[in-house]
Amino acid sequence: MTALPLAGIKVVEIAQNLAGPFAGEILARLGADVVKVERPDGGDDARGWGPPFLADLSPVFHAANTNKRSITLDLRDPAAVAWLIEYVEGADVLVQNLRPGVIGELGLGPETLLAKNPRLVYCSLWTFGTSGPLRLRPGYEPMVQAFAGLMMVNGEEGGPPMRMGTSVLDSGTGMWAAIGVLAALVERQRTGRGSIVDTSLFETGLGWLANHFASYRISGNPPLRHRTGSSRLVVFQGFETKNGPVIIAAANDRLLSSSRWPSAGRTGRPILDSRRTRSGRSTRRRSSRRSRRSCSHAPKASGSTSWRRRECRARRCTRSSKYWLTRKRPRRE
């Protein structure tokens, strides 16, 4: 059997919850020997993140710690810290996501450990990074989703802020950490020296919003929310059908050519010129959205149930446009 690429690499993980353990799990799946350090009084908090449970452990803990070995150490005990410092001297990588400030107070900061082991790759995962006024603030993933702005672009126009359905910042930060560790190991082969790798939940959130930031800088307009689609691409969203919703994603004009949509040729109905290009379709959708929002005329049959549904949709659209145009946004430092 071919050895995995990180076979022979020893990793010490002083991490809990999800982001740090996810980084360690990626390295373990690539073949590294990952030793996880846990508290003696219950271990990683994620062990209890259930129900459900399998072997008294939560699904989150299983998913992020499957390929590791575990030891318990009371890091409040100076003797245990001294033992750990000596143990890390034989390691290649250290991954930690303790509350900001704690790792230094324990005497396990990068300066101390790199002095003992200059070849060590020291990787930290933070909430807000290592600089700025929030650098010492702790925080869990949903808080940072809100602070970074992810909840502002998720969900339906006019609706309340909505968290992403999975822990995209925890897993994303774990991925960035693992990528940084791999780059540092490559650099160590060239220089013979280790390095420090830092990443954070907040920086990951800003990275996931890069397209929205670029669009805002160009247009000056805040991003519109869409339940399933994109404000830049048409057709690129979900549609309700008789037997359930369907997603249609056509990010280029070739995908809407008559050769790929034979029904248009069979019906003999040509595609309108303004719908032939992506920019034309996007313009038509913006125009349609404006006309829906300005729809305020009285119905011909005010008692009609179908009209009441349409009227309700128009009011909802109008409220959502006012919400985005008038809501105050916090200033970013």
Protein backbone atom coordinates (compact mmCIF):
# COMPACT_ATOMS: atom_id res chain seq x y z
CA MET A 1 0.00 0.00 0.00
CA THR A 2 1.31 3.47 -0.92
CA ALA A 3 2.10 5.63 2.10
CA LEU A 4 -0.05 8.72 2.63
CA PRO A 5 1.68 12.05 1.93
CA LEU A 6 2.01 13.10 5.60
CA ALA A 7 3.14 9.71 6.88
CA GLY A 8 5.85 10.28 9.51
CA ILE A 9 4.61 13.80 10.42
CA LYS A 10 3.75 14.14 14.11
CA VAL A 11 1.04 16.65 15.08
CA VAL A 12 0.08 17.77 18.59
CA GLU A 13 -3.44 19.23 18.74
CA ILE A 14 -4.44 21.41 21.70
CA ALA A 15 -7.86 22.24 20.32
CA GLN A 16 -11.54 21.68 20.96
CA ASN A 17 -14.97 22.30 19.47
CA LEU A 18 -14.70 22.30 15.67
CA ALA A 19 -12.29 24.60 13.80
CA GLY A 20 -9.04 23.37 15.36
CA PRO A 21 -10.04 19.69 15.44
CA PHE A 22 -11.20 19.96 11.80
CA ALA A 23 -7.71 21.16 10.82
CA GLY A 24 -6.17 18.27 12.76
CA GLU A 25 -8.54 15.79 11.12
CA ILE A 26 -7.50 16.96 7.63
CA LEU A 27 -3.84 16.39 8.54
CA ALA A 28 -4.69 12.99 10.04
CA ARG A 29 -6.53 11.90 6.89
CA LEU A 30 -3.42 12.84 4.92
CA GLY A 31 -1.41 10.41 7.03
CA ALA A 32 -0.10 12.48 9.96
CA ASP A 33 0.03 11.00 13.46
CA VAL A 34 -2.22 13.41 15.40
CA VAL A 35 -2.19 13.34 19.20
CA LYS A 36 -5.07 15.31 20.71
CA VAL A 37 -4.59 16.90 24.15
CA GLU A 38 -7.81 17.13 26.20
CA ARG A 39 -8.83 18.29 29.67
CA PRO A 40 -9.18 15.52 32.29
CA ASP A 41 -12.59 16.87 33.39
CA GLY A 42 -14.71 15.87 30.38
CA GLY A 43 -12.32 16.49 27.51
CA ASP A 44 -13.32 18.33 24.34
CA ASP A 45 -16.68 20.11 24.79
CA ALA A 46 -17.78 18.71 21.41
CA ARG A 47 -17.96 15.23 22.95
CA GLY A 48 -21.30 16.25 24.46
CA TRP A 49 -22.80 18.12 21.47
CA GLY A 50 -25.77 15.82 21.06
CA PRO A 51 -28.10 14.00 20.88
CA PRO A 52 -27.71 11.78 19.01
CA PHE A 53 -24.75 9.93 20.47
CA LEU A 54 -22.68 6.96 19.37
CA ALA A 55 -20.58 5.32 22.09
CA ASP A 56 -21.43 8.32 24.30
CA LEU A 57 -19.90 10.73 21.77
CA SER A 58 -21.63 13.30 19.58
CA PRO A 59 -21.63 13.17 15.75
CA VAL A 60 -19.58 16.40 15.65
CA PHE A 61 -16.83 14.85 17.75
CA HIS A 62 -16.77 11.69 15.64
CA ALA A 63 -16.61 13.70 12.40
CA ALA A 64 -13.68 15.87 13.50
CA ASN A 65 -11.63 13.38 15.54
CA THR A 66 -11.90 10.00 13.85
CA ASN A 67 -8.25 9.42 12.98
CA LYS A 68 -6.48 10.66 16.12
CA ARG A 69 -5.06 9.45 19.39
CA SER A 70 -6.00 11.28 22.59
CA ILE A 71 -4.32 12.04 25.90
CA THR A 72 -5.52 14.04 28.91
CA LEU A 73 -3.48 16.76 30.57
CA ASP A 74 -4.39 19.34 33.18
CA LEU A 75 -2.67 22.39 31.72
CA ARG A 76 -3.23 24.29 34.99
CA ASP A 77 -0.58 22.00 36.49
CA PRO A 78 2.96 23.37 35.84
CA ALA A 79 4.35 19.83 35.81
CA ALA A 80 1.94 18.84 33.04
CA VAL A 81 2.88 21.93 31.02
CA ALA A 82 6.59 21.13 31.43
CA TRP A 83 5.95 17.57 30.21
CA LEU A 84 4.03 18.87 27.20
CA ILE A 85 6.81 21.32 26.24
CA GLU A 86 9.27 18.44 26.25
CA TYR A 87 6.84 16.28 24.25
CA VAL A 88 6.37 18.98 21.59
CA GLU A 89 10.15 19.07 21.05
CA GLY A 90 9.69 15.87 19.05
CA ALA A 91 6.69 17.11 17.03
CA ASP A 92 6.50 18.61 13.55
CA VAL A 93 3.25 20.60 13.96
CA LEU A 94 1.25 22.09 16.80
CA VAL A 95 -2.39 23.10 16.24
CA GLN A 96 -4.16 25.15 18.93
CA ASN A 97 -7.39 27.14 19.24
CA LEU A 98 -7.53 27.97 22.95
CA ARG A 99 -9.23 31.17 24.03
CA PRO A 100 -7.09 34.19 23.02
CA GLY A 101 -4.43 34.95 25.62
CA VAL A 102 -4.62 31.57 27.37
CA ILE A 103 -1.94 29.76 25.38
CA GLY A 104 0.62 32.46 26.24
CA GLU A 105 -0.35 32.48 29.92
CA LEU A 106 0.30 28.73 30.04
CA GLY A 107 3.81 29.20 28.71
CA LEU A 108 2.97 27.41 25.45
CA GLY A 109 3.21 30.36 23.07
CA PRO A 110 5.07 30.18 19.75
CA GLU A 111 8.16 31.99 21.07
CA THR A 112 8.64 29.41 23.83
CA LEU A 113 8.02 26.32 21.72
CA LEU A 114 9.95 27.49 18.64
CA ALA A 115 12.94 28.24 20.88
CA LYS A 116 12.82 24.62 22.04
CA ASN A 117 12.06 23.19 18.57
CA PRO A 118 13.05 25.53 15.70
CA ARG A 119 11.61 23.12 13.10
CA LEU A 120 8.11 23.29 14.62
CA VAL A 121 5.16 24.57 12.55
CA TYR A 122 3.03 26.42 15.09
CA CYS A 123 -0.59 26.87 13.90
CA SER A 124 -3.22 28.95 15.73
CA LEU A 125 -6.90 29.39 14.92
CA TRP A 126 -8.46 32.52 16.41
CA THR A 127 -11.83 34.23 16.44
CA PHE A 128 -10.76 37.67 15.16
CA GLY A 129 -7.06 37.24 14.36
CA THR A 130 -3.85 38.42 16.01
CA SER A 131 -4.16 42.18 15.51
CA GLY A 132 -6.80 44.86 15.92
CA PRO A 133 -9.10 45.83 18.80
CA LEU A 134 -10.96 42.50 18.80
CA ARG A 135 -7.91 40.22 18.83
CA LEU A 136 -8.51 39.03 22.42
CA ARG A 137 -12.25 38.49 22.00
CA PRO A 138 -13.50 34.88 22.09
CA GLY A 139 -16.50 33.82 20.05
CA TYR A 140 -18.43 30.95 18.55
CA GLU A 141 -19.15 30.48 14.86
CA PRO A 142 -22.73 31.88 14.66
CA MET A 143 -21.61 35.16 16.25
CA VAL A 144 -18.88 35.59 13.65
CA GLN A 145 -21.25 34.70 10.80
CA ALA A 146 -23.32 37.68 11.92
CA PHE A 147 -20.40 40.02 12.54
CA ALA A 148 -18.65 39.26 9.23
CA GLY A 149 -21.87 39.85 7.25
CA LEU A 150 -22.66 36.33 6.05
CA MET A 151 -26.14 36.50 7.58
CA MET A 152 -26.83 39.67 5.61
CA VAL A 153 -26.48 37.89 2.26
CA ASN A 154 -28.14 34.62 3.25
CA GLY A 155 -31.88 33.99 3.23
CA GLU A 156 -34.74 35.79 1.52
CA GLU A 157 -35.03 39.45 0.63
CA GLY A 158 -37.00 41.20 3.37
CA GLY A 159 -36.61 38.32 5.80
CA PRO A 160 -34.63 38.22 9.05
CA PRO A 161 -30.87 37.53 9.11
CA MET A 162 -30.23 33.84 8.52
CA ARG A 163 -27.31 31.66 9.59
CA MET A 164 -25.74 29.33 7.06
CA GLY A 165 -27.09 25.84 7.62
CA THR A 166 -23.66 24.35 8.34
CA SER A 167 -20.62 25.62 10.23
CA VAL A 168 -18.94 27.17 7.18
CA LEU A 169 -16.57 29.33 9.24
CA ASP A 170 -15.39 26.53 11.53
CA SER A 171 -14.76 24.12 8.67
CA GLY A 172 -13.41 26.86 6.39
CA THR A 173 -10.97 28.11 9.03
CA GLY A 174 -9.87 24.51 9.63
CA MET A 175 -9.21 24.16 5.91
CA TRP A 176 -7.17 27.39 5.75
CA ALA A 177 -5.18 26.22 8.77
CA ALA A 178 -4.41 22.87 7.15
CA ILE A 179 -3.40 24.58 3.89
CA GLY A 180 -1.11 26.92 5.85
CA VAL A 181 0.48 23.98 7.67
CA LEU A 182 1.13 22.17 4.38
CA ALA A 183 2.75 25.31 2.93
CA ALA A 184 4.89 25.71 6.06
CA LEU A 185 6.05 22.09 5.84
CA VAL A 186 7.10 22.65 2.23
CA GLU A 187 8.95 25.81 3.25
CA ARG A 188 10.67 23.88 6.05
CA GLN A 189 12.06 21.44 3.51
CA ARG A 190 13.74 24.39 1.79
CA THR A 191 14.88 26.41 4.82
CA GLY A 192 15.15 23.80 7.58
CA ARG A 193 13.14 26.03 9.93
CA GLY A 194 9.58 26.01 11.17
CA SER A 195 7.16 28.94 11.10
CA ILE A 196 3.97 30.40 12.56
CA VAL A 197 0.59 29.94 10.83
CA ASP A 198 -2.35 32.10 11.94
CA THR A 199 -5.94 32.14 10.70
CA SER A 200 -9.31 33.15 12.14
CA LEU A 201 -13.06 32.71 11.80
CA PHE A 202 -13.51 36.40 10.96
CA GLU A 203 -10.95 36.36 8.15
CA THR A 204 -12.60 33.25 6.74
CA GLY A 205 -15.98 35.01 6.73
CA LEU A 206 -14.53 38.01 4.91
CA GLY A 207 -12.91 35.67 2.41
CA TRP A 208 -16.21 33.95 1.63
CA LEU A 209 -17.72 37.40 0.93
CA ALA A 210 -15.03 38.46 -1.55
CA ASN A 211 -17.42 38.47 -4.54
CA HIS A 212 -19.95 40.60 -2.67
CA PHE A 213 -17.28 43.07 -1.56
CA ALA A 214 -15.97 43.39 -5.11
CA SER A 215 -19.49 43.96 -6.45
CA TYR A 216 -20.16 46.62 -3.81
CA ARG A 217 -16.91 48.45 -4.54
CA ILE A 218 -17.76 48.54 -8.26
CA SER A 219 -21.48 49.37 -8.09
CA GLY A 220 -21.89 51.07 -4.72
CA ASN A 221 -24.98 48.94 -4.08
CA PRO A 222 -25.25 46.56 -1.12
CA PRO A 223 -25.85 42.93 -2.12
CA LEU A 224 -29.40 41.73 -2.64
CA ARG A 225 -30.47 38.57 -0.89
CA HIS A 226 -31.83 35.68 -2.89
CA ARG A 227 -33.22 32.48 -1.44
CA THR A 228 -31.60 30.17 -3.99
CA GLY A 229 -29.94 32.23 -6.70
CA SER A 230 -27.54 34.99 -7.61
CA SER A 231 -27.95 38.70 -8.22
CA ARG A 232 -25.42 38.52 -11.05
CA LEU A 233 -26.41 35.40 -13.01
CA VAL A 234 -29.70 34.62 -14.76
CA VAL A 235 -30.94 31.84 -15.01
CA PHE A 236 -29.26 30.68 -11.79
CA GLN A 237 -31.84 29.86 -9.10
CA GLY A 238 -34.58 27.56 -7.88
CA PHE A 239 -38.10 27.41 -9.30
CA GLU A 240 -41.24 25.89 -7.88
CA THR A 241 -42.74 23.19 -10.08
CA LYS A 242 -45.79 20.96 -9.86
CA ASN A 243 -43.84 18.10 -8.32
CA GLY A 244 -41.35 20.09 -6.24
CA PRO A 245 -38.60 22.69 -6.57
CA VAL A 246 -35.90 22.47 -9.24
CA ILE A 247 -32.59 24.32 -9.58
CA ILE A 248 -31.57 25.68 -13.00
CA ALA A 249 -28.02 27.03 -13.20
CA ALA A 250 -26.88 28.45 -16.55
CA ALA A 251 -23.82 30.62 -15.95
CA ASN A 252 -23.09 31.24 -19.63
CA ASP A 253 -25.06 31.95 -22.80
CA ARG A 254 -24.09 28.66 -24.45
CA LEU A 255 -26.17 26.72 -21.94
CA LEU A 256 -29.31 28.54 -23.11
CA SER A 257 -28.75 27.96 -26.82
CA SER A 258 -31.50 26.28 -28.83
CA SER A 259 -29.34 23.17 -29.26
CA ARG A 260 -29.38 22.64 -25.50
CA TRP A 261 -33.04 23.62 -25.13
CA PRO A 262 -34.71 21.68 -27.98
CA SER A 263 -38.21 22.48 -26.74
CA ALA A 264 -37.76 26.06 -27.94
CA GLY A 265 -37.19 24.79 -31.47
CA ARG A 266 -40.16 22.43 -31.38
CA THR A 267 -42.58 25.14 -30.32
CA GLY A 268 -41.33 27.51 -33.01
CA ARG A 269 -41.14 30.32 -30.45
CA PRO A 270 -37.81 32.15 -30.79
CA ILE A 271 -35.99 33.34 -27.68
CA LEU A 272 -36.37 37.11 -27.33
CA ASP A 273 -33.24 39.07 -28.20
CA SER A 274 -33.00 40.50 -24.71
CA ARG A 275 -32.92 36.95 -23.31
CA ARG A 276 -30.15 35.68 -25.56
CA THR A 277 -27.34 37.02 -23.36
CA ARG A 278 -26.70 36.79 -19.66
CA SER A 279 -26.54 40.58 -19.28
CA GLY A 280 -29.85 40.95 -21.10
CA ARG A 281 -31.53 38.41 -18.85
CA SER A 282 -30.12 40.14 -15.77
CA THR A 283 -31.45 43.51 -16.95
CA ARG A 284 -34.91 42.05 -17.58
CA ARG A 285 -34.97 40.52 -14.10
CA ARG A 286 -34.03 43.83 -12.43
CA SER A 287 -36.74 45.58 -14.46
CA SER A 288 -39.26 42.91 -13.48
CA ARG A 289 -38.29 43.28 -9.82
CA ARG A 290 -38.83 47.07 -9.97
CA SER A 291 -42.23 46.67 -11.61
CA ARG A 292 -43.31 44.18 -8.94
CA ARG A 293 -42.25 46.52 -6.16
CA SER A 294 -44.16 49.46 -7.66
CA CYS A 295 -47.34 47.43 -8.20
CA SER A 296 -50.02 49.23 -6.16
CA HIS A 297 -53.08 49.48 -8.44
CA ALA A 298 -56.38 48.06 -7.26
CA PRO A 299 -57.45 44.62 -8.50
CA LYS A 300 -60.29 44.22 -10.94
CA ALA A 301 -61.76 41.51 -8.77
CA SER A 302 -60.85 42.43 -5.21
CA GLY A 303 -62.44 39.29 -3.80
CA SER A 304 -60.26 37.01 -5.89
CA THR A 305 -58.07 34.67 -3.83
CA SER A 306 -55.41 34.58 -6.55
CA TRP A 307 -55.25 38.40 -6.56
CA ARG A 308 -54.83 38.49 -2.78
CA ARG A 309 -51.83 36.20 -3.14
CA ARG A 310 -50.32 38.48 -5.81
CA GLU A 311 -51.03 41.58 -3.72
CA CYS A 312 -49.32 39.99 -0.73
CA ARG A 313 -46.23 39.21 -2.82
CA ALA A 314 -46.08 42.81 -4.08
CA ARG A 315 -46.27 44.18 -0.54
CA ARG A 316 -43.56 41.80 0.58
CA CYS A 317 -41.27 42.96 -2.25
CA THR A 318 -41.94 46.62 -1.43
CA ARG A 319 -41.17 46.10 2.25
CA SER A 320 -37.94 44.29 1.44
CA SER A 321 -36.70 47.07 -0.84
CA LYS A 322 -37.40 49.69 1.85
CA TYR A 323 -35.66 47.49 4.42
CA TRP A 324 -32.41 47.32 2.44
CA LEU A 325 -32.47 50.99 1.46
CA THR A 326 -33.13 52.35 4.96
CA ARG A 327 -31.55 49.88 7.41
CA LYS A 328 -28.50 51.12 9.28
CA ARG A 329 -25.38 49.02 8.97
CA PRO A 330 -22.65 48.97 11.64
CA ARG A 331 -19.41 50.62 10.69
CA ARG A 332 -16.51 48.24 10.20
CA GLU A 333 -13.32 49.10 12.02
